[in-house]
C-alpha atoms as a PDB file:
ATOM      1  CA  MET A   1      77.962  35.700  31.180  1.00  0.00           C
ATOM      2  CA  ALA A   2      80.216  34.489  28.386  1.00  0.00           C
ATOM      3  CA  ALA A   3      80.699  37.405  26.054  1.00  0.00           C
ATOM      4  CA  LYS A   4      80.225  37.278  22.292  1.00  0.00           C
ATOM      5  CA  LYS A   5      83.350  36.046  20.493  1.00  0.00           C
ATOM      6  CA  GLU A   6      84.946  35.015  23.779  1.00  0.00           C
ATOM      7  CA  THR A   7      87.447  32.220  23.398  1.00  0.00           C
ATOM      8  CA  TYR A   8      87.612  29.085  25.494  1.00  0.00           C
ATOM      9  CA  THR A   9      90.920  30.295  26.937  1.00  0.00           C
ATOM     10  CA  GLN A  10      89.482  33.660  27.945  1.00  0.00           C
ATOM     11  CA  ALA A  11      86.499  31.980  29.582  1.00  0.00           C
ATOM     12  CA  MET A  12      88.755  29.588  31.488  1.00  0.00           C
ATOM     13  CA  GLU A  13      90.867  32.499  32.717  1.00  0.00           C
ATOM     14  CA  ARG A  14      87.724  34.226  34.016  1.00  0.00           C
ATOM     15  CA  LEU A  15      86.599  31.018  35.690  1.00  0.00           C
ATOM     16  CA  GLU A  16      89.997  30.532  37.316  1.00  0.00           C
ATOM     17  CA  GLU A  17      89.871  34.101  38.649  1.00  0.00           C
ATOM     18  CA  ILE A  18      86.443  33.510  40.178  1.00  0.00           C
ATOM     19  CA  VAL A  19      87.670  30.299  41.792  1.00  0.00           C
ATOM     20  CA  ARG A  20      90.725  32.125  43.185  1.00  0.00           C
ATOM     21  CA  GLN A  21      88.501  34.827  44.643  1.00  0.00           C
ATOM     22  CA  ILE A  22      86.252  32.235  46.264  1.00  0.00           C
ATOM     23  CA  ASP A  23      89.192  30.206  47.594  1.00  0.00           C
ATOM     24  CA  ASN A  24      90.802  33.325  49.065  1.00  0.00           C
ATOM     25  CA  ASN A  25      87.550  34.532  50.638  1.00  0.00           C
ATOM     26  CA  GLN A  26      87.820  37.748  48.610  1.00  0.00           C
ATOM     27  CA  LEU A  27      84.140  37.965  47.798  1.00  0.00           C
ATOM     28  CA  ASP A  28      81.503  39.672  49.856  1.00  0.00           C
ATOM     29  CA  ILE A  29      78.526  37.413  50.494  1.00  0.00           C
ATOM     30  CA  ASP A  30      76.354  39.703  48.351  1.00  0.00           C
ATOM     31  CA  VAL A  31      78.704  39.217  45.390  1.00  0.00           C
ATOM     32  CA  LEU A  32      79.319  35.512  45.941  1.00  0.00           C
ATOM     33  CA  SER A  33      75.951  34.434  44.540  1.00  0.00           C
ATOM     34  CA  ASP A  34      76.458  36.460  41.360  1.00  0.00           C
ATOM     35  CA  LYS A  35      79.980  35.060  40.893  1.00  0.00           C
ATOM     36  CA  ILE A  36      78.719  31.505  41.312  1.00  0.00           C
ATOM     37  CA  LYS A  37      76.027  32.147  38.688  1.00  0.00           C
ATOM     38  CA  GLU A  38      78.653  33.617  36.369  1.00  0.00           C
ATOM     39  CA  ALA A  39      80.896  30.594  36.954  1.00  0.00           C
ATOM     40  CA  ASN A  40      78.011  28.273  36.025  1.00  0.00           C
ATOM     41  CA  ARG A  41      77.465  30.193  32.763  1.00  0.00           C
ATOM     42  CA  ILE A  42      81.168  30.002  31.972  1.00  0.00           C
ATOM     43  CA  ILE A  43      81.202  26.251  32.664  1.00  0.00           C
ATOM     44  CA  ALA A  44      78.237  25.773  30.307  1.00  0.00           C
ATOM     45  CA  PHE A  45      79.988  27.866  27.629  1.00  0.00           C
ATOM     46  CA  CYS A  46      83.209  25.856  27.961  1.00  0.00           C
ATOM     47  CA  THR A  47      81.365  22.548  27.959  1.00  0.00           C
ATOM     48  CA  GLU A  48      79.596  23.547  24.745  1.00  0.00           C
ATOM     49  CA  LYS A  49      82.913  24.537  23.132  1.00  0.00           C
ATOM     50  CA  LEU A  50      84.537  21.243  24.139  1.00  0.00           C
ATOM     51  CA  THR A  51      81.579  19.193  22.947  1.00  0.00           C
ATOM     52  CA  LYS A  52      81.592  20.976  19.590  1.00  0.00           C
ATOM     53  CA  ALA A  53      85.341  20.462  19.191  1.00  0.00           C
ATOM     54  CA  ASP A  54      84.976  16.780  20.104  1.00  0.00           C
ATOM     55  CA  ARG A  55      82.257  16.308  17.468  1.00  0.00           C
ATOM     56  CA  GLU A  56      84.403  18.003  14.833  1.00  0.00           C
ATOM     57  CA  VAL A  57      87.433  15.835  15.652  1.00  0.00           C
ATOM     58  CA  GLU A  58      85.293  12.690  15.543  1.00  0.00           C
ATOM     59  CA  LYS A  59      83.905  13.745  12.148  1.00  0.00           C
ATOM     60  CA  ILE A  60      87.401  14.355  10.759  1.00  0.00           C
ATOM     61  CA  LEU A  61      88.654  11.010  12.058  1.00  0.00           C
ATOM     62  CA  ARG A  62      85.609   9.190  10.664  1.00  0.00           C
ATOM     63  CA  GLU A  63      86.085  10.831   7.253  1.00  0.00           C
ATOM     64  CA  LYS A  64      89.763   9.934   7.305  1.00  0.00           C
ATOM     65  CA  ARG A  65      89.022   6.286   8.121  1.00  0.00           C
ATOM     66  CA  GLU A  66      86.383   6.139   5.365  1.00  0.00           C
ATOM     67  CA  SER A  67      88.747   7.613   2.800  1.00  0.00           C
ATOM     68  CA  GLU A  68      91.389   5.013   3.683  1.00  0.00           C
ATOM     69  CA  GLU A  69      89.024   2.069   3.145  1.00  0.00           C
END
């Protein structure tokens, strides 16, 4: 699960490691399910971070346009 205060970059690094392990068949079948669940949590965490950043950028751009009018 995405840890408290984890950054987007740290989460992406963890996700990339999981993908590498899966691609290289390094995971025992008993561990594979847990890693896939963890990957899904990381993807949700990263998606939330990106969505929040996108909203903030849109807000800044909107405020900038309004101040220029």
